[in-house]
Every structure is written in structure tokens, then in C-alpha cells.
Amino acid sequence: MPHHEPADPLHDLRAHVRATHAAAERLAGEAAGAARAVREDRPPPAGWATAGERAGVRDELDELAAVLRSLQGLVPPELQSQVAEVLRQVLLLVRAILDFWVDRLEAVGEGAARAGRPAPPVAQDIPVS
């Protein structure tokens, strides 16, 4: 008959302490990495942009706007009006798509209200001139 040693009552406690220690080290490493990202002006692991990165994007957009303004003088007036009309049509298309989805959401909200759930907020129609 094989001989069984009595179970060590502290074995499970040691295993839990080791697991807790490993988890604490992992969390400390993640916190140190996030702090390092902030010091180096990089986005933290969650992907949120830092103030320096937002300023860089803003500067790039300002440069792009300046280039577009300088090119505006080189484009003939007829072409400018055509581009403006195309942009107007694109914006109307986007508005039509948004109206479609708002109508669908309102229909879902009405169904929810009939089922006893609160309805979503009502959207206001803003006319385009």
C-alpha cells in the first residue's frame, strides 16, 4: 500500500501568495510603463493622446489649411464653384444618411416605449440653407 504524506496546510496559502505577488508585479510594471509613456510624451497604453500629441496634430492641420488657402488663389473661379457644389452635395448626402439612421433609431425608441422601456431622446431637425 503506497504511503501518503499528510497534506501541507500552508501549501494553498503559499500558492495564493505567489499568485498575488506575480499579479502585483505585473500591475506595477504596467503602471511604470504608463508613467514612462507620460514622461516621454507618448500616448499611454490605452491609446489616449497626450497634450503634446494633440498640439502636433493641430499644428499639422494649421499647415494644411495654410496650403489650401494658398492654392485657392491658383484655382480658377469656375472650378472653385464646381468644387463648392460637389462639397455641398456630399454634405447633403451625409445629412440624408444621418436622417435615415435617426429615423431608424426613433422607430426603435417607439418600440421600446411600447414595451415599457424609456424612449431615447428626441432629435431636432435643423434645416440646411
N, C-alpha and C. Protein backbone atom coordinates (compact mmCIF):
# COMPACT_ATOMS: atom_id res chain seq x y z
N MET A 1 0.84 -1.15 0.00
CA MET A 1 0.00 0.00 0.00
C MET A 1 0.89 1.23 0.00
N PRO A 2 0.65 2.22 -0.93
CA PRO A 2 1.50 3.40 -1.00
C PRO A 2 1.30 4.27 0.23
N HIS A 3 2.37 4.93 0.59
CA HIS A 3 2.35 5.79 1.77
C HIS A 3 2.02 7.23 1.34
N HIS A 4 0.95 7.81 1.90
CA HIS A 4 0.52 9.18 1.58
C HIS A 4 0.99 10.11 2.68
N GLU A 5 1.68 11.16 2.26
CA GLU A 5 2.09 12.15 3.24
C GLU A 5 0.90 13.02 3.56
N PRO A 6 0.82 13.50 4.79
CA PRO A 6 -0.29 14.38 5.13
C PRO A 6 -0.19 15.67 4.32
N ALA A 7 -1.34 16.24 3.95
CA ALA A 7 -1.38 17.46 3.16
C ALA A 7 -0.83 18.62 3.97
N ASP A 8 -0.03 19.43 3.30
CA ASP A 8 0.56 20.59 3.96
C ASP A 8 -0.49 21.70 4.00
N PRO A 9 -0.94 22.13 5.19
CA PRO A 9 -2.00 23.15 5.26
C PRO A 9 -1.55 24.50 4.71
N LEU A 10 -0.26 24.74 4.65
CA LEU A 10 0.23 26.03 4.16
C LEU A 10 0.49 26.03 2.65
N HIS A 11 0.37 24.86 2.00
CA HIS A 11 0.65 24.76 0.57
C HIS A 11 -0.26 25.69 -0.24
N ASP A 12 -1.58 25.64 0.02
CA ASP A 12 -2.52 26.50 -0.72
C ASP A 12 -2.25 27.97 -0.43
N LEU A 13 -1.93 28.28 0.83
CA LEU A 13 -1.64 29.67 1.19
C LEU A 13 -0.41 30.17 0.44
N ARG A 14 0.62 29.35 0.35
CA ARG A 14 1.82 29.74 -0.40
C ARG A 14 1.51 29.96 -1.88
N ALA A 15 0.69 29.11 -2.45
CA ALA A 15 0.32 29.26 -3.86
C ALA A 15 -0.43 30.58 -4.08
N HIS A 16 -1.34 30.91 -3.17
CA HIS A 16 -2.08 32.17 -3.30
C HIS A 16 -1.15 33.37 -3.15
N VAL A 17 -0.21 33.30 -2.22
CA VAL A 17 0.74 34.39 -2.03
C VAL A 17 1.59 34.57 -3.27
N ARG A 18 2.06 33.45 -3.87
CA ARG A 18 2.86 33.55 -5.10
C ARG A 18 2.04 34.17 -6.23
N ALA A 19 0.79 33.75 -6.39
CA ALA A 19 -0.06 34.30 -7.45
C ALA A 19 -0.32 35.78 -7.22
N THR A 20 -0.56 36.17 -5.99
CA THR A 20 -0.80 37.58 -5.68
C THR A 20 0.45 38.41 -5.94
N HIS A 21 1.60 37.87 -5.58
CA HIS A 21 2.87 38.57 -5.81
C HIS A 21 3.11 38.76 -7.31
N ALA A 22 2.83 37.73 -8.10
CA ALA A 22 3.02 37.83 -9.55
C ALA A 22 2.07 38.87 -10.15
N ALA A 23 0.82 38.90 -9.68
CA ALA A 23 -0.15 39.88 -10.19
C ALA A 23 0.27 41.29 -9.80
N ALA A 24 0.77 41.46 -8.58
CA ALA A 24 1.21 42.79 -8.14
C ALA A 24 2.40 43.25 -8.97
N GLU A 25 3.34 42.36 -9.28
CA GLU A 25 4.48 42.74 -10.12
C GLU A 25 4.02 43.14 -11.52
N ARG A 26 3.05 42.39 -12.07
CA ARG A 26 2.54 42.71 -13.40
C ARG A 26 1.88 44.09 -13.41
N LEU A 27 1.04 44.38 -12.40
CA LEU A 27 0.38 45.68 -12.32
C LEU A 27 1.39 46.81 -12.13
N ALA A 28 2.41 46.57 -11.31
CA ALA A 28 3.45 47.59 -11.10
C ALA A 28 4.18 47.86 -12.40
N GLY A 29 4.44 46.82 -13.19
CA GLY A 29 5.10 47.00 -14.49
C GLY A 29 4.24 47.81 -15.45
N GLU A 30 2.93 47.53 -15.48
CA GLU A 30 2.02 48.28 -16.34
C GLU A 30 1.95 49.75 -15.92
N ALA A 31 1.89 49.99 -14.60
CA ALA A 31 1.84 51.37 -14.10
C ALA A 31 3.13 52.11 -14.44
N ALA A 32 4.27 51.42 -14.31
CA ALA A 32 5.55 52.05 -14.65
C ALA A 32 5.60 52.37 -16.14
N GLY A 33 5.08 51.48 -16.98
CA GLY A 33 5.06 51.74 -18.42
C GLY A 33 4.18 52.92 -18.77
N ALA A 34 3.03 53.05 -18.11
CA ALA A 34 2.14 54.18 -18.37
C ALA A 34 2.79 55.49 -17.91
N ALA A 35 3.45 55.45 -16.76
CA ALA A 35 4.14 56.65 -16.27
C ALA A 35 5.28 57.04 -17.21
N ARG A 36 6.00 56.06 -17.73
CA ARG A 36 7.09 56.32 -18.67
C ARG A 36 6.54 56.94 -19.95
N ALA A 37 5.39 56.45 -20.41
CA ALA A 37 4.77 56.99 -21.63
C ALA A 37 4.39 58.45 -21.43
N VAL A 38 3.89 58.80 -20.24
CA VAL A 38 3.52 60.19 -19.97
C VAL A 38 4.78 61.05 -19.94
N ARG A 39 5.84 60.58 -19.30
CA ARG A 39 7.08 61.36 -19.24
C ARG A 39 7.68 61.57 -20.62
N GLU A 40 7.57 60.57 -21.49
CA GLU A 40 8.15 60.65 -22.83
C GLU A 40 7.18 61.27 -23.83
N ASP A 41 6.02 61.77 -23.34
CA ASP A 41 5.01 62.41 -24.16
C ASP A 41 4.48 61.48 -25.25
N ARG A 42 4.34 60.21 -24.90
CA ARG A 42 3.72 59.23 -25.81
C ARG A 42 2.33 58.92 -25.28
N PRO A 43 1.43 58.45 -26.14
CA PRO A 43 0.11 58.07 -25.63
C PRO A 43 0.25 56.88 -24.67
N PRO A 44 -0.52 56.88 -23.61
CA PRO A 44 -0.48 55.74 -22.71
C PRO A 44 -1.02 54.49 -23.41
N PRO A 45 -0.85 53.30 -22.81
CA PRO A 45 -1.27 52.06 -23.46
C PRO A 45 -2.73 52.04 -23.88
N ALA A 46 -3.58 52.80 -23.20
CA ALA A 46 -5.00 52.80 -23.57
C ALA A 46 -5.23 53.52 -24.89
N GLY A 47 -4.24 54.28 -25.38
CA GLY A 47 -4.37 54.93 -26.67
C GLY A 47 -4.81 56.37 -26.61
N TRP A 48 -4.98 56.92 -25.42
CA TRP A 48 -5.40 58.32 -25.32
C TRP A 48 -4.24 59.22 -25.72
N ALA A 49 -4.53 60.23 -26.49
CA ALA A 49 -3.49 61.15 -26.94
C ALA A 49 -3.10 62.10 -25.82
N THR A 50 -1.83 62.41 -25.76
CA THR A 50 -1.33 63.36 -24.77
C THR A 50 -1.49 64.77 -25.30
N ALA A 51 -1.28 65.75 -24.43
CA ALA A 51 -1.42 67.15 -24.83
C ALA A 51 -0.43 67.50 -25.94
N GLY A 52 0.80 67.00 -25.85
CA GLY A 52 1.80 67.27 -26.88
C GLY A 52 1.40 66.70 -28.23
N GLU A 53 0.82 65.52 -28.21
CA GLU A 53 0.41 64.90 -29.48
C GLU A 53 -0.77 65.66 -30.09
N ARG A 54 -1.71 66.11 -29.25
CA ARG A 54 -2.83 66.89 -29.77
C ARG A 54 -2.33 68.20 -30.38
N ALA A 55 -1.34 68.82 -29.75
CA ALA A 55 -0.79 70.07 -30.29
C ALA A 55 -0.10 69.81 -31.63
N GLY A 56 0.58 68.68 -31.76
CA GLY A 56 1.23 68.33 -33.02
C GLY A 56 0.22 68.15 -34.14
N VAL A 57 -0.90 67.49 -33.85
CA VAL A 57 -1.94 67.29 -34.86
C VAL A 57 -2.55 68.64 -35.23
N ARG A 58 -2.77 69.50 -34.24
CA ARG A 58 -3.33 70.83 -34.50
C ARG A 58 -2.40 71.62 -35.41
N ASP A 59 -1.08 71.55 -35.15
CA ASP A 59 -0.11 72.26 -35.99
C ASP A 59 -0.14 71.74 -37.43
N GLU A 60 -0.25 70.42 -37.59
CA GLU A 60 -0.31 69.85 -38.93
C GLU A 60 -1.56 70.32 -39.67
N LEU A 61 -2.71 70.37 -38.95
CA LEU A 61 -3.94 70.85 -39.59
C LEU A 61 -3.83 72.32 -39.96
N ASP A 62 -3.19 73.12 -39.12
CA ASP A 62 -2.99 74.54 -39.45
C ASP A 62 -2.14 74.69 -40.71
N GLU A 63 -1.09 73.87 -40.84
CA GLU A 63 -0.24 73.92 -42.04
C GLU A 63 -1.03 73.51 -43.27
N LEU A 64 -1.86 72.47 -43.14
CA LEU A 64 -2.67 72.02 -44.26
C LEU A 64 -3.65 73.12 -44.69
N ALA A 65 -4.26 73.79 -43.72
CA ALA A 65 -5.19 74.88 -44.04
C ALA A 65 -4.46 76.02 -44.75
N ALA A 66 -3.24 76.33 -44.32
CA ALA A 66 -2.47 77.39 -44.97
C ALA A 66 -2.15 77.03 -46.42
N VAL A 67 -1.81 75.77 -46.66
CA VAL A 67 -1.52 75.32 -48.03
C VAL A 67 -2.78 75.43 -48.89
N LEU A 68 -3.92 75.01 -48.34
CA LEU A 68 -5.16 75.08 -49.10
C LEU A 68 -5.54 76.53 -49.41
N ARG A 69 -5.32 77.44 -48.45
CA ARG A 69 -5.61 78.85 -48.70
C ARG A 69 -4.72 79.40 -49.81
N SER A 70 -3.44 79.00 -49.81
CA SER A 70 -2.53 79.49 -50.85
C SER A 70 -2.89 78.91 -52.22
N LEU A 71 -3.37 77.68 -52.25
CA LEU A 71 -3.77 77.07 -53.52
C LEU A 71 -5.08 77.65 -54.03
N GLN A 72 -5.89 78.20 -53.15
CA GLN A 72 -7.18 78.73 -53.56
C GLN A 72 -7.02 79.84 -54.59
N GLY A 73 -5.98 80.64 -54.46
CA GLY A 73 -5.74 81.71 -55.43
C GLY A 73 -5.33 81.20 -56.79
N LEU A 74 -4.81 79.98 -56.87
CA LEU A 74 -4.37 79.42 -58.14
C LEU A 74 -5.49 78.73 -58.91
N VAL A 75 -6.59 78.44 -58.23
CA VAL A 75 -7.69 77.70 -58.86
C VAL A 75 -8.64 78.70 -59.52
N PRO A 76 -9.03 78.46 -60.78
CA PRO A 76 -9.96 79.37 -61.46
C PRO A 76 -11.31 79.42 -60.72
N PRO A 77 -12.00 80.56 -60.80
CA PRO A 77 -13.29 80.72 -60.09
C PRO A 77 -14.34 79.68 -60.49
N GLU A 78 -14.35 79.27 -61.78
CA GLU A 78 -15.34 78.27 -62.22
C GLU A 78 -15.11 76.94 -61.49
N LEU A 79 -13.84 76.57 -61.37
CA LEU A 79 -13.52 75.32 -60.69
C LEU A 79 -13.83 75.42 -59.20
N GLN A 80 -13.60 76.59 -58.61
CA GLN A 80 -13.94 76.77 -57.19
C GLN A 80 -15.43 76.58 -56.96
N SER A 81 -16.25 77.13 -57.85
CA SER A 81 -17.69 76.98 -57.69
C SER A 81 -18.12 75.52 -57.89
N GLN A 82 -17.46 74.81 -58.81
CA GLN A 82 -17.78 73.40 -59.01
C GLN A 82 -17.41 72.57 -57.78
N VAL A 83 -16.24 72.85 -57.21
CA VAL A 83 -15.81 72.13 -56.01
C VAL A 83 -16.76 72.43 -54.86
N ALA A 84 -17.17 73.69 -54.73
CA ALA A 84 -18.10 74.07 -53.66
C ALA A 84 -19.43 73.33 -53.83
N GLU A 85 -19.88 73.19 -55.07
CA GLU A 85 -21.14 72.47 -55.32
C GLU A 85 -21.01 70.99 -54.99
N VAL A 86 -19.88 70.40 -55.35
CA VAL A 86 -19.65 68.98 -55.02
C VAL A 86 -19.63 68.79 -53.50
N LEU A 87 -18.95 69.69 -52.79
CA LEU A 87 -18.91 69.59 -51.33
C LEU A 87 -20.32 69.75 -50.74
N ARG A 88 -21.11 70.66 -51.31
CA ARG A 88 -22.49 70.84 -50.85
C ARG A 88 -23.29 69.56 -51.04
N GLN A 89 -23.12 68.91 -52.19
CA GLN A 89 -23.84 67.66 -52.46
C GLN A 89 -23.40 66.55 -51.50
N VAL A 90 -22.10 66.49 -51.22
CA VAL A 90 -21.59 65.48 -50.28
C VAL A 90 -22.19 65.71 -48.90
N LEU A 91 -22.23 66.97 -48.47
CA LEU A 91 -22.81 67.27 -47.16
C LEU A 91 -24.30 66.93 -47.11
N LEU A 92 -25.01 67.19 -48.20
CA LEU A 92 -26.43 66.80 -48.25
C LEU A 92 -26.59 65.29 -48.18
N LEU A 93 -25.68 64.56 -48.83
CA LEU A 93 -25.71 63.10 -48.76
C LEU A 93 -25.48 62.62 -47.33
N VAL A 94 -24.49 63.21 -46.67
CA VAL A 94 -24.22 62.85 -45.28
C VAL A 94 -25.44 63.15 -44.41
N ARG A 95 -26.09 64.28 -44.65
CA ARG A 95 -27.28 64.62 -43.88
C ARG A 95 -28.39 63.60 -44.13
N ALA A 96 -28.57 63.19 -45.39
CA ALA A 96 -29.61 62.20 -45.69
C ALA A 96 -29.32 60.87 -44.99
N ILE A 97 -28.06 60.47 -44.95
CA ILE A 97 -27.70 59.23 -44.26
C ILE A 97 -27.98 59.36 -42.76
N LEU A 98 -27.60 60.51 -42.19
CA LEU A 98 -27.88 60.73 -40.76
C LEU A 98 -29.37 60.74 -40.47
N ASP A 99 -30.17 61.39 -41.34
CA ASP A 99 -31.62 61.40 -41.16
C ASP A 99 -32.19 59.99 -41.20
N PHE A 100 -31.68 59.18 -42.11
CA PHE A 100 -32.13 57.79 -42.21
C PHE A 100 -31.89 57.05 -40.90
N TRP A 101 -30.68 57.18 -40.35
CA TRP A 101 -30.35 56.47 -39.11
C TRP A 101 -31.11 57.04 -37.92
N VAL A 102 -31.33 58.35 -37.90
CA VAL A 102 -32.12 58.94 -36.81
C VAL A 102 -33.55 58.40 -36.87
N ASP A 103 -34.12 58.31 -38.07
CA ASP A 103 -35.47 57.75 -38.21
C ASP A 103 -35.52 56.31 -37.72
N ARG A 104 -34.50 55.54 -38.04
CA ARG A 104 -34.46 54.14 -37.57
C ARG A 104 -34.36 54.07 -36.06
N LEU A 105 -33.53 54.95 -35.47
CA LEU A 105 -33.39 54.96 -34.02
C LEU A 105 -34.68 55.40 -33.34
N GLU A 106 -35.38 56.37 -33.94
CA GLU A 106 -36.65 56.80 -33.38
C GLU A 106 -37.67 55.67 -33.43
N ALA A 107 -37.66 54.89 -34.51
CA ALA A 107 -38.57 53.75 -34.61
C ALA A 107 -38.26 52.73 -33.54
N VAL A 108 -36.99 52.50 -33.27
CA VAL A 108 -36.60 51.57 -32.21
C VAL A 108 -37.05 52.12 -30.87
N GLY A 109 -36.90 53.45 -30.68
CA GLY A 109 -37.31 54.08 -29.43
C GLY A 109 -38.80 53.97 -29.19
N GLU A 110 -39.59 54.13 -30.27
CA GLU A 110 -41.04 53.99 -30.14
C GLU A 110 -41.41 52.56 -29.76
N GLY A 111 -40.71 51.62 -30.34
CA GLY A 111 -40.96 50.22 -29.97
C GLY A 111 -40.59 49.95 -28.53
N ALA A 112 -39.52 50.59 -28.06
CA ALA A 112 -39.09 50.43 -26.67
C ALA A 112 -40.12 51.04 -25.73
N ALA A 113 -40.68 52.20 -26.13
CA ALA A 113 -41.66 52.86 -25.28
C ALA A 113 -42.91 51.99 -25.16
N ARG A 114 -43.31 51.35 -26.24
CA ARG A 114 -44.47 50.46 -26.18
C ARG A 114 -44.18 49.25 -25.31
N ALA A 115 -42.92 48.87 -25.22
CA ALA A 115 -42.56 47.71 -24.40
C ALA A 115 -42.33 48.11 -22.94
N GLY A 116 -42.51 49.40 -22.61
CA GLY A 116 -42.36 49.83 -21.23
C GLY A 116 -40.97 50.32 -20.87
N ARG A 117 -40.09 50.37 -21.85
CA ARG A 117 -38.74 50.90 -21.60
C ARG A 117 -38.73 52.38 -21.94
N PRO A 118 -37.83 53.16 -21.33
CA PRO A 118 -37.78 54.59 -21.66
C PRO A 118 -37.32 54.81 -23.09
N ALA A 119 -37.90 55.81 -23.72
CA ALA A 119 -37.55 56.12 -25.11
C ALA A 119 -36.27 56.95 -25.15
N PRO A 120 -35.50 56.82 -26.24
CA PRO A 120 -34.29 57.65 -26.38
C PRO A 120 -34.67 59.11 -26.57
N PRO A 121 -33.74 60.04 -26.39
CA PRO A 121 -34.05 61.46 -26.58
C PRO A 121 -34.46 61.76 -28.01
N VAL A 122 -35.25 62.79 -28.17
CA VAL A 122 -35.76 63.18 -29.48
C VAL A 122 -34.72 64.05 -30.17
N ALA A 123 -34.48 63.78 -31.47
CA ALA A 123 -33.53 64.56 -32.25
C ALA A 123 -34.26 65.72 -32.90
N GLN A 124 -33.58 66.86 -33.01
CA GLN A 124 -34.18 68.05 -33.61
C GLN A 124 -33.68 68.17 -35.05
N ASP A 125 -34.61 68.45 -35.97
CA ASP A 125 -34.26 68.62 -37.37
C ASP A 125 -33.77 70.05 -37.58
N ILE A 126 -32.58 70.20 -38.16
CA ILE A 126 -32.00 71.51 -38.43
C ILE A 126 -32.00 71.71 -39.93
N PRO A 127 -32.72 72.72 -40.43
CA PRO A 127 -32.79 72.91 -41.89
C PRO A 127 -31.46 73.36 -42.46
N VAL A 128 -31.19 72.90 -43.70
CA VAL A 128 -29.98 73.29 -44.41
C VAL A 128 -30.37 74.36 -45.42
N SER A 129 -29.65 75.48 -45.41
CA SER A 129 -29.99 76.56 -46.35
C SER A 129 -29.24 76.42 -47.63
